[in-house]
Amino acid sequence: MTQLDRAETGQGSAGLRDTGSGTWRARIRRTIRVGSRPGPWKRGPVLAALALLLGLLMLLHTKITDYGGLGSLVETFLPWFGLFVPVLLAGALRRRSASAVVALLLPVTVWLSLFGGLLRDKSRPGGDLIVASHNVGADNPDPTGTARDLAASGADVLALEEITPQAKPLYEQGLAKTYPYHTVQGTVGLWSKVPLSDSGPVDIKQDAGPLGDTKPDAVKMTYNRALRTTVATEQGSLAVYVAHLGSVRVLPGTGFWTDSRDRNAKALAEAVAAEPNERVVLLGDLNGTMDDRAFDDLTSQLHSAQDEAGDGFGFSYPAKFPVARIDQILLRGVEPTSSWVLPATGSDHLPVAARISW
């Protein structure tokens, strides 16, 4: 090949030098890039910070301000914050961030300390009485079917909330054969296989309603949302409260509105504190979880059957896709041996039940 041919094909000495020079420059650039890339402990600082914030939020949830109901809202859905852990873990693994993975130990530890005990079945054999509670729903399209299902549940004592005047005779008729004793006070009622006594309404400071405080006693009873009665069991008398606390709402400009519910909870706690019977069961739709600070006055006196003898979280609302347990069975002076959620009825709540022992 002549010198001219080599020049035309780019294979001269200058071309070879240019090619070698370009290769070395490329190697140097790659070395610089590798050398400047942060190590695994410096990658993903944002992910690490988010993991720490998640852990601190769950750890210090009681310190969150309740302005606009923010604290109550966080505590209502507190168990679900654990879902952020696998999301952050996936991001940490993608970024190969050792610092983010280590930071995730905080939320994992906090979540397990708060809710890890609910992941195992704590039920045990035995028990003297089965109690159940169900918000039957004012819009329930099938009260008769709901009564039939509840009568077959095996409960000895059955509390119902949100009983409308139209549905009341249907529940009374459907439950009469199984439960010869019952009391209905306003929108709440209790059906029992054993005798009841001293039944009456409990003033939980519900909203006055459109008629205000001047409405007649008969009309007041229509809006009554709590009762107290004594159940005569073979083991002794048991004070039973049934309550349906005020609803919560997410309102524009107001936030998580819980005023009515919180006022009801405080009044109910005062009634329980004044109860002379050592053995007490509270059944009802409390429109909140027991992690919510609004129930501190109640949980300081009563313990949850689901927390002590349940299997899982026992979510009860909404029935189609339960995300929170707002239907509660709380106890004092008796012990739960098991707690569970019953199958769905025509209501938007699921019934809850517990077996208790003296």
Protein backbone atom coordinates (compact mmCIF):
# COMPACT_ATOMS: atom_id res chain seq x y z
CA MET A 1 0.00 0.00 0.00
CA THR A 2 1.43 3.38 -0.99
CA GLN A 3 1.68 6.37 1.29
CA LEU A 4 -1.19 7.95 -0.67
CA ASP A 5 -3.35 4.87 -0.16
CA ARG A 6 -2.64 4.88 3.57
CA ALA A 7 -3.55 8.53 3.80
CA GLU A 8 -6.83 7.97 1.95
CA THR A 9 -7.85 5.08 4.18
CA GLY A 10 -6.90 6.90 7.38
CA GLN A 11 -4.31 4.29 8.35
CA GLY A 12 -1.33 6.57 8.47
CA SER A 13 0.75 7.15 11.54
CA ALA A 14 -1.25 10.26 12.44
CA GLY A 15 -4.49 8.30 12.29
CA LEU A 16 -3.09 5.64 14.56
CA ARG A 17 -1.95 8.28 17.02
CA ASP A 18 -5.38 9.94 16.92
CA THR A 19 -7.12 6.63 17.60
CA GLY A 20 -4.86 5.82 20.54
CA SER A 21 -5.28 9.31 21.97
CA GLY A 22 -9.10 9.06 21.77
CA THR A 23 -9.05 5.69 23.53
CA TRP A 24 -7.00 7.05 26.41
CA ARG A 25 -9.25 10.11 26.71
CA ALA A 26 -12.31 7.84 26.92
CA ARG A 27 -10.65 5.73 29.61
CA ILE A 28 -9.79 8.83 31.62
CA ARG A 29 -13.36 10.12 31.39
CA ARG A 30 -14.72 6.77 32.58
CA THR A 31 -12.27 6.77 35.49
CA ILE A 32 -13.31 10.27 36.48
CA ARG A 33 -17.00 9.32 36.34
CA VAL A 34 -16.46 6.23 38.49
CA GLY A 35 -14.31 8.13 40.95
CA SER A 36 -16.88 10.94 41.32
CA ARG A 37 -19.91 8.60 41.79
CA PRO A 38 -21.04 8.66 45.47
CA GLY A 39 -20.59 5.50 47.48
CA PRO A 40 -23.52 3.41 48.81
CA TRP A 41 -23.58 5.35 52.10
CA LYS A 42 -23.89 8.68 50.29
CA ARG A 43 -26.56 7.62 47.79
CA GLY A 44 -30.25 8.28 48.30
CA PRO A 45 -30.11 11.01 50.96
CA VAL A 46 -33.71 11.97 50.24
CA LEU A 47 -34.89 8.37 50.70
CA ALA A 48 -32.99 8.13 53.98
CA ALA A 49 -34.53 11.39 55.20
CA LEU A 50 -38.04 10.20 54.27
CA ALA A 51 -37.49 6.92 56.12
CA LEU A 52 -36.42 8.78 59.26
CA LEU A 53 -39.38 11.16 59.02
CA LEU A 54 -41.76 8.20 58.65
CA GLY A 55 -40.33 6.55 61.74
CA LEU A 56 -40.50 9.76 63.77
CA LEU A 57 -44.07 10.42 62.66
CA MET A 58 -45.22 7.03 63.95
CA LEU A 59 -43.07 7.25 67.07
CA LEU A 60 -44.25 10.75 68.02
CA HIS A 61 -47.80 10.62 66.68
CA THR A 62 -49.19 11.80 70.02
CA LYS A 63 -47.19 15.02 69.65
CA ILE A 64 -48.76 15.96 66.33
CA THR A 65 -51.03 18.97 66.69
CA ASP A 66 -54.74 18.24 66.55
CA TYR A 67 -55.44 21.55 64.82
CA GLY A 68 -58.00 20.80 62.16
CA GLY A 69 -58.17 17.25 63.50
CA LEU A 70 -54.77 16.44 62.01
CA GLY A 71 -53.63 14.34 64.98
CA SER A 72 -56.82 12.29 65.02
CA LEU A 73 -56.66 11.78 61.26
CA VAL A 74 -53.08 10.46 61.45
CA GLU A 75 -53.92 8.17 64.37
CA THR A 76 -57.02 6.80 62.65
CA PHE A 77 -54.94 5.46 59.78
CA LEU A 78 -51.70 4.91 61.72
CA PRO A 79 -51.33 1.18 60.87
CA TRP A 80 -51.43 1.99 57.16
CA PHE A 81 -48.30 4.13 57.39
CA GLY A 82 -46.41 0.83 57.38
CA LEU A 83 -47.17 0.54 53.65
CA PHE A 84 -44.64 3.29 52.98
CA VAL A 85 -41.85 1.00 54.20
CA PRO A 86 -41.79 -1.38 51.19
CA VAL A 87 -42.13 1.62 48.85
CA LEU A 88 -39.08 3.29 50.37
CA LEU A 89 -37.23 -0.04 50.47
CA ALA A 90 -37.79 -0.54 46.75
CA GLY A 91 -36.40 2.93 46.11
CA ALA A 92 -33.39 2.27 48.35
CA LEU A 93 -32.57 -0.98 46.55
CA ARG A 94 -32.94 0.69 43.17
CA ARG A 95 -30.53 3.44 44.20
CA ARG A 96 -28.31 0.93 46.01
CA SER A 97 -28.43 3.21 49.01
CA ALA A 98 -27.09 1.60 52.17
CA SER A 99 -27.95 4.69 54.22
CA ALA A 100 -31.64 4.53 53.20
CA VAL A 101 -31.83 0.81 54.01
CA VAL A 102 -30.38 1.41 57.47
CA ALA A 103 -32.69 4.41 58.03
CA LEU A 104 -35.68 2.15 57.33
CA LEU A 105 -34.88 0.21 60.50
CA LEU A 106 -36.47 3.05 62.49
CA PRO A 107 -40.00 2.93 60.95
CA VAL A 108 -39.92 -0.87 60.86
CA THR A 109 -39.04 -1.06 64.56
CA VAL A 110 -41.63 1.54 65.54
CA TRP A 111 -44.40 -0.09 63.47
CA LEU A 112 -43.68 -3.51 64.93
CA SER A 113 -43.69 -2.12 68.47
CA LEU A 114 -47.08 -0.50 67.85
CA PHE A 115 -48.83 -3.16 65.80
CA GLY A 116 -46.67 -6.27 65.68
CA GLY A 117 -48.72 -7.90 68.42
CA LEU A 118 -51.82 -7.73 66.21
CA LEU A 119 -50.23 -9.95 63.58
CA ARG A 120 -50.56 -13.09 65.68
CA ASP A 121 -53.66 -14.93 66.87
CA LYS A 122 -54.11 -14.17 70.58
CA SER A 123 -57.35 -16.08 71.06
CA ARG A 124 -57.52 -18.90 73.56
CA PRO A 125 -60.11 -21.52 74.55
CA GLY A 126 -62.83 -20.89 77.08
CA GLY A 127 -65.22 -18.08 77.83
CA ASP A 128 -68.54 -17.59 79.57
CA LEU A 129 -70.41 -15.17 77.32
CA ILE A 130 -70.36 -14.06 73.68
CA VAL A 131 -71.07 -10.38 73.06
CA ALA A 132 -71.51 -8.78 69.65
CA SER A 133 -72.07 -5.31 68.23
CA HIS A 134 -73.29 -4.12 64.85
CA ASN A 135 -74.10 -0.77 63.30
CA VAL A 136 -76.96 -2.06 61.18
CA GLY A 137 -77.03 1.05 59.03
CA ALA A 138 -79.90 3.45 58.56
CA ASP A 139 -79.87 2.71 54.81
CA ASN A 140 -79.77 -1.08 55.25
CA PRO A 141 -81.94 -2.48 52.43
CA ASP A 142 -82.57 -5.78 54.25
CA PRO A 143 -83.16 -5.39 58.02
CA THR A 144 -84.94 -8.75 58.15
CA GLY A 145 -81.98 -10.56 56.61
CA THR A 146 -79.58 -8.72 58.89
CA ALA A 147 -81.61 -9.77 61.94
CA ARG A 148 -81.61 -13.37 60.72
CA ASP A 149 -77.84 -13.38 60.23
CA LEU A 150 -77.20 -11.86 63.65
CA ALA A 151 -79.54 -14.29 65.38
CA ALA A 152 -77.47 -17.12 63.89
CA SER A 153 -74.16 -15.61 65.06
CA GLY A 154 -74.24 -17.39 68.43
CA ALA A 155 -73.99 -14.16 70.43
CA ASP A 156 -75.57 -14.20 73.89
CA VAL A 157 -75.74 -10.41 74.07
CA LEU A 158 -76.21 -8.38 70.89
CA ALA A 159 -75.95 -4.59 70.55
CA LEU A 160 -77.36 -2.73 67.55
CA GLU A 161 -76.72 0.86 66.54
CA GLU A 162 -78.38 3.16 64.01
CA ILE A 163 -81.84 1.63 64.39
CA THR A 164 -84.40 3.64 62.47
CA PRO A 165 -88.07 3.85 63.58
CA GLN A 166 -89.06 2.04 60.38
CA ALA A 167 -86.61 -0.84 60.90
CA LYS A 168 -87.11 -1.21 64.66
CA PRO A 169 -90.16 -3.57 64.47
CA LEU A 170 -88.34 -5.69 61.89
CA TYR A 171 -85.36 -6.20 64.20
CA GLU A 172 -87.62 -6.87 67.17
CA GLN A 173 -89.56 -9.47 65.20
CA GLY A 174 -86.47 -11.08 63.66
CA LEU A 175 -84.58 -11.35 66.96
CA ALA A 176 -87.45 -12.18 69.32
CA LYS A 177 -87.14 -15.95 69.11
CA THR A 178 -83.41 -16.01 69.87
CA TYR A 179 -83.37 -13.12 72.32
CA PRO A 180 -86.34 -12.97 74.69
CA TYR A 181 -85.02 -9.85 76.44
CA HIS A 182 -84.27 -6.52 74.81
CA THR A 183 -84.25 -2.78 75.30
CA VAL A 184 -84.21 -0.03 72.69
CA GLN A 185 -83.34 3.52 73.65
CA GLY A 186 -83.57 5.84 70.68
CA THR A 187 -81.33 4.56 67.87
CA VAL A 188 -79.45 1.96 69.96
CA GLY A 189 -80.63 -1.32 71.41
CA LEU A 190 -79.51 -4.45 73.22
CA TRP A 191 -80.88 -7.96 72.75
CA SER A 192 -80.06 -10.70 75.28
CA LYS A 193 -80.62 -14.37 76.00
CA VAL A 194 -80.52 -13.61 79.74
CA PRO A 195 -82.58 -11.07 81.71
CA LEU A 196 -81.94 -7.33 81.63
CA SER A 197 -82.66 -4.73 84.29
CA ASP A 198 -82.08 -1.05 85.06
CA SER A 199 -82.15 -0.17 81.37
CA GLY A 200 -82.11 3.47 80.36
CA PRO A 201 -80.55 6.11 78.10
CA VAL A 202 -77.13 7.63 78.71
CA ASP A 203 -76.65 11.33 78.02
CA ILE A 204 -73.55 11.59 75.83
CA LYS A 205 -74.16 15.20 74.84
CA GLN A 206 -75.27 14.48 71.31
CA ASP A 207 -76.06 17.36 68.98
CA ALA A 208 -79.24 19.24 69.85
CA GLY A 209 -80.54 18.87 66.32
CA PRO A 210 -82.73 21.27 64.35
CA LEU A 211 -85.25 21.63 67.18
CA GLY A 212 -82.62 22.66 69.71
CA ASP A 213 -82.91 22.01 73.45
CA THR A 214 -86.63 22.82 73.47
CA LYS A 215 -87.72 19.65 71.67
CA PRO A 216 -90.10 17.35 73.64
CA ASP A 217 -88.78 14.35 75.56
CA ALA A 218 -90.39 11.96 73.09
CA VAL A 219 -88.49 13.59 70.26
CA LYS A 220 -85.26 13.63 72.27
CA MET A 221 -85.51 9.87 72.67
CA THR A 222 -85.59 9.49 68.90
CA TYR A 223 -82.10 10.95 68.76
CA ASN A 224 -80.72 9.12 71.80
CA ARG A 225 -77.50 7.31 70.89
CA ALA A 226 -76.40 5.53 74.07
CA LEU A 227 -77.86 3.23 76.72
CA ARG A 228 -76.88 1.37 79.86
CA THR A 229 -78.37 -1.86 81.18
CA THR A 230 -77.53 -4.67 83.58
CA VAL A 231 -77.21 -8.20 82.20
CA ALA A 232 -77.90 -10.97 84.71
CA THR A 233 -75.47 -13.79 83.88
CA GLU A 234 -74.80 -17.02 85.75
CA GLN A 235 -71.47 -15.55 86.87
CA GLY A 236 -73.01 -12.34 88.19
CA SER A 237 -74.29 -8.98 86.98
CA LEU A 238 -72.61 -7.24 84.08
CA ALA A 239 -73.05 -3.55 83.25
CA VAL A 240 -73.36 -3.14 79.48
CA TYR A 241 -73.17 0.16 77.62
CA VAL A 242 -74.17 0.56 73.98
CA ALA A 243 -73.13 3.72 72.20
CA HIS A 244 -73.05 5.28 68.76
CA LEU A 245 -70.82 8.33 68.92
CA GLY A 246 -71.03 11.29 66.57
CA SER A 247 -69.77 11.02 63.03
CA VAL A 248 -66.50 12.44 61.74
CA ARG A 249 -66.24 14.45 58.56
CA VAL A 250 -63.53 15.83 56.29
CA LEU A 251 -64.79 19.36 55.59
CA PRO A 252 -63.27 22.07 53.36
CA GLY A 253 -61.72 24.77 55.51
CA THR A 254 -62.29 22.75 58.68
CA GLY A 255 -60.20 19.65 58.14
CA PHE A 256 -60.97 16.42 59.99
CA TRP A 257 -64.06 17.47 61.95
CA THR A 258 -64.51 15.40 65.12
CA ASP A 259 -66.17 17.83 67.55
CA SER A 260 -69.37 15.84 68.05
CA ARG A 261 -67.54 12.53 68.37
CA ASP A 262 -65.01 13.91 70.83
CA ARG A 263 -67.72 15.47 73.01
CA ASN A 264 -69.63 12.17 73.04
CA ALA A 265 -66.49 10.23 73.95
CA LYS A 266 -65.76 12.50 76.90
CA ALA A 267 -69.34 12.21 78.24
CA LEU A 268 -69.31 8.44 77.79
CA ALA A 269 -66.01 8.16 79.66
CA GLU A 270 -67.52 10.14 82.54
CA ALA A 271 -70.50 7.77 82.65
CA VAL A 272 -68.23 4.72 82.72
CA ALA A 273 -66.08 6.29 85.44
CA ALA A 274 -69.19 6.71 87.60
CA GLU A 275 -70.35 3.11 86.99
CA PRO A 276 -70.47 1.24 90.34
CA ASN A 277 -70.36 -2.25 88.80
CA GLU A 278 -66.81 -3.59 88.58
CA ARG A 279 -67.66 -5.59 85.46
CA VAL A 280 -68.36 -3.40 82.43
CA VAL A 281 -68.65 -4.02 78.68
CA LEU A 282 -68.94 -1.18 76.17
CA LEU A 283 -70.30 -2.13 72.74
CA GLY A 284 -70.79 0.21 69.85
CA ASP A 285 -69.81 2.24 66.87
CA LEU A 286 -67.39 4.79 68.35
CA ASN A 287 -66.46 6.30 64.98
CA GLY A 288 -62.77 6.07 65.76
CA THR A 289 -59.91 3.70 66.44
CA MET A 290 -58.43 3.15 69.87
CA ASP A 291 -55.17 4.74 68.70
CA ASP A 292 -57.03 8.06 68.48
CA ARG A 293 -56.21 10.42 71.36
CA ALA A 294 -59.89 11.37 71.61
CA PHE A 295 -60.48 8.07 73.43
CA ASP A 296 -57.74 8.39 76.04
CA ASP A 297 -60.31 8.86 78.83
CA LEU A 298 -62.04 5.63 77.78
CA THR A 299 -58.96 3.52 77.14
CA SER A 300 -57.55 4.50 80.53
CA GLN A 301 -60.52 2.67 82.08
CA LEU A 302 -61.34 -0.06 79.56
CA HIS A 303 -59.25 -2.42 77.43
CA SER A 304 -59.92 -3.60 73.90
CA ALA A 305 -61.04 -7.18 73.28
CA GLN A 306 -59.51 -7.07 69.79
CA ASP A 307 -56.12 -5.91 71.04
CA GLU A 308 -55.94 -8.58 73.72
CA ALA A 309 -57.62 -11.59 72.13
CA GLY A 310 -58.06 -10.91 68.43
CA ASP A 311 -56.44 -12.25 65.29
CA GLY A 312 -55.27 -9.38 63.08
CA PHE A 313 -56.46 -5.80 63.01
CA GLY A 314 -60.19 -6.59 62.97
CA PHE A 315 -61.07 -3.76 60.59
CA SER A 316 -64.83 -3.22 60.46
CA TYR A 317 -65.46 -0.21 58.20
CA PRO A 318 -66.35 0.18 55.41
CA ALA A 319 -67.75 -3.28 54.89
CA LYS A 320 -66.71 -3.57 51.23
CA PHE A 321 -63.08 -2.69 51.91
CA PRO A 322 -62.42 -2.32 55.65
CA VAL A 323 -59.60 0.09 56.50
CA ALA A 324 -60.28 0.88 60.16
CA ARG A 325 -61.82 -0.68 63.25
CA ILE A 326 -64.33 1.86 64.49
CA ASP A 327 -66.75 -0.72 65.96
CA GLN A 328 -65.44 -1.57 69.40
CA ILE A 329 -65.80 -4.01 72.27
CA LEU A 330 -64.17 -2.56 75.40
CA LEU A 331 -64.03 -4.29 78.79
CA ARG A 332 -63.38 -3.84 82.49
CA GLY A 333 -63.46 -6.53 85.17
CA VAL A 334 -63.80 -9.37 82.63
CA GLU A 335 -61.27 -10.81 80.21
CA PRO A 336 -61.63 -11.53 76.50
CA THR A 337 -60.67 -15.00 75.32
CA SER A 338 -61.26 -14.35 71.63
CA SER A 339 -62.39 -11.57 69.31
CA TRP A 340 -63.40 -11.66 65.66
CA VAL A 341 -65.27 -9.95 62.83
CA LEU A 342 -68.54 -11.47 61.62
CA PRO A 343 -69.57 -11.78 57.95
CA ALA A 344 -71.07 -8.80 56.16
CA THR A 345 -74.78 -8.01 56.29
CA GLY A 346 -76.73 -5.35 54.42
CA SER A 347 -74.97 -2.65 56.45
CA ASP A 348 -71.91 -0.60 55.51
CA HIS A 349 -70.28 -1.82 58.76
CA LEU A 350 -69.14 -5.33 59.67
CA PRO A 351 -70.38 -6.86 62.95
CA VAL A 352 -67.77 -7.55 65.65
CA ALA A 353 -67.90 -10.16 68.42
CA ALA A 354 -65.91 -11.33 71.42
CA ARG A 355 -66.05 -14.15 73.92
CA ILE A 356 -65.45 -12.98 77.48
CA SER A 357 -64.62 -14.77 80.69
CA TRP A 358 -64.95 -14.05 84.38
